[in-house]
Amino acid sequence: AAFISIQAFPALLDLPEELEVSAVSCGSRHTAVVTRGGELYTWGWGKYGQLGHGNSLSSDQARCVEHLVAQGLRVEEVVCGPWTTYVRV
């Protein structure tokens, strides 16, 4: 099983420098951000598929949800629940 660190204090995000974040939402063990360009990046605990990468893997690194990009969908808003992620496109 992958180790997922727990941040008990604020930390800088390790996102590509050219991305501008317009929204952030935190679940109980995962986080999602929407960029001004309409992309969704997620990271954290992914056991229930809440990261949106088509698997149940966890990750400490923010990754773009490529399925939304491939479908030509622009993300407007994200809300994370305990084990879920809701996206408005």
N, C-alpha and C. Protein backbone atom coordinates (compact mmCIF):
# COMPACT_ATOMS: atom_id res chain seq x y z
N ALA A 1 0.84 -1.18 0.00
CA ALA A 1 0.00 0.00 0.00
C ALA A 1 0.89 1.24 0.00
N ALA A 2 0.49 2.24 -0.75
CA ALA A 2 1.24 3.49 -0.83
C ALA A 2 1.10 4.28 0.46
N PHE A 3 2.17 4.91 0.89
CA PHE A 3 2.14 5.78 2.06
C PHE A 3 1.67 7.15 1.63
N ILE A 4 0.68 7.68 2.30
CA ILE A 4 0.18 9.02 2.03
C ILE A 4 0.47 9.88 3.26
N SER A 5 1.22 10.93 3.07
CA SER A 5 1.55 11.78 4.21
C SER A 5 0.33 12.57 4.65
N ILE A 6 0.30 12.91 5.92
CA ILE A 6 -0.77 13.71 6.49
C ILE A 6 -0.17 15.06 6.88
N GLN A 7 -0.70 16.14 6.31
CA GLN A 7 -0.23 17.49 6.60
C GLN A 7 -1.08 18.08 7.71
N ALA A 8 -0.48 18.29 8.86
CA ALA A 8 -1.21 18.90 9.97
C ALA A 8 -1.06 20.42 10.00
N PHE A 9 -0.36 20.97 9.01
CA PHE A 9 -0.14 22.40 8.94
C PHE A 9 -0.08 22.80 7.47
N PRO A 10 -0.28 24.08 7.15
CA PRO A 10 -0.27 24.51 5.74
C PRO A 10 1.05 24.15 5.05
N ALA A 11 0.94 23.81 3.77
CA ALA A 11 2.12 23.48 2.97
C ALA A 11 1.93 24.01 1.56
N LEU A 12 3.03 24.34 0.91
CA LEU A 12 2.96 24.81 -0.47
C LEU A 12 2.58 23.65 -1.38
N LEU A 13 1.78 23.93 -2.40
CA LEU A 13 1.41 22.92 -3.38
C LEU A 13 2.51 22.79 -4.42
N ASP A 14 2.76 21.56 -4.84
CA ASP A 14 3.77 21.31 -5.86
C ASP A 14 3.08 21.11 -7.21
N LEU A 15 2.58 22.22 -7.76
CA LEU A 15 1.90 22.20 -9.05
C LEU A 15 2.81 22.87 -10.09
N PRO A 16 2.61 22.52 -11.36
CA PRO A 16 3.40 23.21 -12.40
C PRO A 16 3.24 24.73 -12.27
N GLU A 17 4.33 25.44 -12.43
CA GLU A 17 4.36 26.88 -12.19
C GLU A 17 3.38 27.68 -13.04
N GLU A 18 3.08 27.20 -14.25
CA GLU A 18 2.21 27.96 -15.15
C GLU A 18 0.73 27.84 -14.80
N LEU A 19 0.37 26.95 -13.89
CA LEU A 19 -1.04 26.77 -13.52
C LEU A 19 -1.47 27.82 -12.51
N GLU A 20 -2.66 28.37 -12.73
CA GLU A 20 -3.24 29.30 -11.77
C GLU A 20 -4.47 28.63 -11.17
N VAL A 21 -4.48 28.46 -9.88
CA VAL A 21 -5.56 27.78 -9.18
C VAL A 21 -6.70 28.75 -8.94
N SER A 22 -7.93 28.32 -9.28
CA SER A 22 -9.10 29.18 -9.05
C SER A 22 -10.00 28.65 -7.94
N ALA A 23 -9.87 27.35 -7.59
CA ALA A 23 -10.70 26.78 -6.53
C ALA A 23 -9.99 25.59 -5.91
N VAL A 24 -10.24 25.38 -4.63
CA VAL A 24 -9.68 24.25 -3.89
C VAL A 24 -10.77 23.64 -3.04
N SER A 25 -10.77 22.30 -2.93
CA SER A 25 -11.67 21.63 -2.01
C SER A 25 -10.94 20.46 -1.38
N CYS A 26 -11.19 20.24 -0.09
CA CYS A 26 -10.53 19.15 0.63
C CYS A 26 -11.57 18.16 1.15
N GLY A 27 -11.31 16.88 0.89
CA GLY A 27 -12.09 15.82 1.48
C GLY A 27 -11.43 15.43 2.78
N SER A 28 -11.82 14.29 3.35
CA SER A 28 -11.21 13.90 4.61
C SER A 28 -9.76 13.46 4.42
N ARG A 29 -9.43 12.93 3.23
CA ARG A 29 -8.07 12.46 2.98
C ARG A 29 -7.59 12.73 1.56
N HIS A 30 -8.27 13.60 0.85
CA HIS A 30 -7.83 13.95 -0.50
C HIS A 30 -8.15 15.43 -0.78
N THR A 31 -7.48 15.97 -1.80
CA THR A 31 -7.65 17.38 -2.15
C THR A 31 -7.79 17.50 -3.66
N ALA A 32 -8.55 18.49 -4.09
CA ALA A 32 -8.73 18.75 -5.52
C ALA A 32 -8.63 20.25 -5.76
N VAL A 33 -8.02 20.62 -6.89
CA VAL A 33 -7.97 22.02 -7.29
C VAL A 33 -8.44 22.15 -8.73
N VAL A 34 -9.07 23.28 -9.00
CA VAL A 34 -9.48 23.64 -10.36
C VAL A 34 -8.57 24.77 -10.80
N THR A 35 -8.05 24.67 -12.02
CA THR A 35 -7.19 25.73 -12.55
C THR A 35 -8.04 26.73 -13.34
N ARG A 36 -7.50 27.90 -13.56
CA ARG A 36 -8.20 28.91 -14.37
C ARG A 36 -8.44 28.41 -15.79
N GLY A 37 -7.64 27.46 -16.23
CA GLY A 37 -7.82 26.85 -17.55
C GLY A 37 -8.87 25.75 -17.58
N GLY A 38 -9.49 25.45 -16.43
CA GLY A 38 -10.56 24.46 -16.38
C GLY A 38 -10.12 23.03 -16.19
N GLU A 39 -8.88 22.82 -15.75
CA GLU A 39 -8.41 21.46 -15.48
C GLU A 39 -8.58 21.14 -14.01
N LEU A 40 -8.74 19.84 -13.71
CA LEU A 40 -8.87 19.37 -12.34
C LEU A 40 -7.64 18.58 -11.97
N TYR A 41 -7.02 18.93 -10.85
CA TYR A 41 -5.88 18.19 -10.31
C TYR A 41 -6.30 17.62 -8.96
N THR A 42 -5.95 16.36 -8.69
CA THR A 42 -6.29 15.72 -7.43
C THR A 42 -5.10 14.98 -6.86
N TRP A 43 -5.12 14.77 -5.54
CA TRP A 43 -4.11 13.95 -4.88
C TRP A 43 -4.62 13.56 -3.50
N GLY A 44 -3.96 12.57 -2.90
CA GLY A 44 -4.34 12.08 -1.58
C GLY A 44 -4.73 10.61 -1.63
N TRP A 45 -5.63 10.25 -0.75
CA TRP A 45 -6.10 8.87 -0.62
C TRP A 45 -7.10 8.59 -1.73
N GLY A 46 -6.88 7.52 -2.49
CA GLY A 46 -7.75 7.24 -3.64
C GLY A 46 -8.47 5.91 -3.58
N LYS A 47 -8.58 5.31 -2.40
CA LYS A 47 -9.12 3.95 -2.27
C LYS A 47 -10.47 3.75 -2.97
N TYR A 48 -11.33 4.74 -2.98
CA TYR A 48 -12.66 4.61 -3.57
C TYR A 48 -12.78 5.26 -4.94
N GLY A 49 -11.66 5.57 -5.57
CA GLY A 49 -11.69 6.19 -6.90
C GLY A 49 -11.96 7.67 -6.89
N GLN A 50 -11.96 8.29 -5.71
CA GLN A 50 -12.33 9.70 -5.60
C GLN A 50 -11.34 10.66 -6.25
N LEU A 51 -10.17 10.18 -6.65
CA LEU A 51 -9.23 11.07 -7.33
C LEU A 51 -9.54 11.22 -8.81
N GLY A 52 -10.36 10.30 -9.35
CA GLY A 52 -10.82 10.44 -10.73
C GLY A 52 -9.85 9.98 -11.80
N HIS A 53 -8.86 9.17 -11.42
CA HIS A 53 -7.85 8.72 -12.39
C HIS A 53 -8.15 7.32 -12.94
N GLY A 54 -9.34 6.81 -12.68
CA GLY A 54 -9.72 5.51 -13.24
C GLY A 54 -9.18 4.33 -12.48
N ASN A 55 -8.70 4.56 -11.25
CA ASN A 55 -8.20 3.47 -10.43
C ASN A 55 -8.41 3.83 -8.95
N SER A 56 -7.92 3.01 -8.06
CA SER A 56 -8.07 3.28 -6.63
C SER A 56 -6.71 3.52 -5.98
N LEU A 57 -5.76 4.04 -6.75
CA LEU A 57 -4.42 4.32 -6.23
C LEU A 57 -4.40 5.66 -5.49
N SER A 58 -3.55 5.74 -4.49
CA SER A 58 -3.35 6.98 -3.75
C SER A 58 -2.08 7.66 -4.27
N SER A 59 -2.01 8.97 -4.08
CA SER A 59 -0.84 9.71 -4.58
C SER A 59 -0.60 10.96 -3.76
N ASP A 60 0.65 11.22 -3.41
CA ASP A 60 1.01 12.47 -2.74
C ASP A 60 1.28 13.58 -3.75
N GLN A 61 1.35 13.25 -5.04
CA GLN A 61 1.61 14.22 -6.09
C GLN A 61 0.32 14.60 -6.80
N ALA A 62 0.10 15.90 -6.99
CA ALA A 62 -1.08 16.36 -7.73
C ALA A 62 -0.98 15.88 -9.17
N ARG A 63 -2.08 15.32 -9.67
CA ARG A 63 -2.13 14.84 -11.06
C ARG A 63 -3.39 15.38 -11.73
N CYS A 64 -3.27 15.74 -12.99
CA CYS A 64 -4.41 16.20 -13.78
C CYS A 64 -5.34 15.03 -14.06
N VAL A 65 -6.64 15.25 -13.94
CA VAL A 65 -7.63 14.22 -14.27
C VAL A 65 -7.79 14.25 -15.79
N GLU A 66 -7.04 13.39 -16.44
CA GLU A 66 -6.94 13.39 -17.91
C GLU A 66 -8.24 13.03 -18.61
N HIS A 67 -9.10 12.25 -17.97
CA HIS A 67 -10.37 11.86 -18.60
C HIS A 67 -11.20 13.10 -18.94
N LEU A 68 -11.23 14.06 -18.06
CA LEU A 68 -12.00 15.29 -18.32
C LEU A 68 -11.40 16.07 -19.48
N VAL A 69 -10.09 16.14 -19.54
CA VAL A 69 -9.40 16.82 -20.64
C VAL A 69 -9.70 16.12 -21.96
N ALA A 70 -9.61 14.78 -21.96
CA ALA A 70 -9.84 13.99 -23.18
C ALA A 70 -11.27 14.17 -23.70
N GLN A 71 -12.22 14.40 -22.79
CA GLN A 71 -13.61 14.60 -23.19
C GLN A 71 -13.90 16.05 -23.58
N GLY A 72 -12.91 16.92 -23.47
CA GLY A 72 -13.10 18.33 -23.81
C GLY A 72 -13.92 19.08 -22.80
N LEU A 73 -13.94 18.60 -21.55
CA LEU A 73 -14.75 19.22 -20.50
C LEU A 73 -13.92 20.23 -19.72
N ARG A 74 -14.51 21.39 -19.47
CA ARG A 74 -13.87 22.44 -18.67
C ARG A 74 -14.50 22.42 -17.28
N VAL A 75 -13.69 22.22 -16.27
CA VAL A 75 -14.19 22.17 -14.89
C VAL A 75 -14.42 23.58 -14.38
N GLU A 76 -15.59 23.81 -13.81
CA GLU A 76 -15.95 25.11 -13.26
C GLU A 76 -15.87 25.12 -11.74
N GLU A 77 -16.18 23.97 -11.12
CA GLU A 77 -16.27 23.92 -9.67
C GLU A 77 -16.01 22.50 -9.18
N VAL A 78 -15.44 22.36 -7.99
CA VAL A 78 -15.21 21.05 -7.38
C VAL A 78 -15.59 21.12 -5.90
N VAL A 79 -16.20 20.03 -5.42
CA VAL A 79 -16.53 19.89 -4.00
C VAL A 79 -16.16 18.48 -3.60
N CYS A 80 -15.31 18.37 -2.58
CA CYS A 80 -14.91 17.05 -2.08
C CYS A 80 -15.70 16.71 -0.82
N GLY A 81 -16.13 15.45 -0.73
CA GLY A 81 -16.75 14.92 0.46
C GLY A 81 -15.77 13.98 1.13
N PRO A 82 -16.21 13.22 2.13
CA PRO A 82 -15.31 12.31 2.83
C PRO A 82 -14.59 11.32 1.88
N TRP A 83 -15.32 10.69 0.97
CA TRP A 83 -14.73 9.72 0.04
C TRP A 83 -15.21 9.96 -1.38
N THR A 84 -15.56 11.20 -1.69
CA THR A 84 -16.13 11.50 -3.00
C THR A 84 -15.58 12.84 -3.51
N THR A 85 -15.72 13.03 -4.82
CA THR A 85 -15.38 14.30 -5.44
C THR A 85 -16.46 14.62 -6.46
N TYR A 86 -17.09 15.76 -6.33
CA TYR A 86 -18.13 16.21 -7.25
C TYR A 86 -17.59 17.36 -8.09
N VAL A 87 -17.82 17.27 -9.40
CA VAL A 87 -17.27 18.26 -10.31
C VAL A 87 -18.40 18.83 -11.17
N ARG A 88 -18.42 20.17 -11.30
CA ARG A 88 -19.35 20.83 -12.23
C ARG A 88 -18.53 21.25 -13.43
N VAL A 89 -18.96 20.78 -14.62
CA VAL A 89 -18.25 21.10 -15.86
C VAL A 89 -19.10 21.99 -16.73
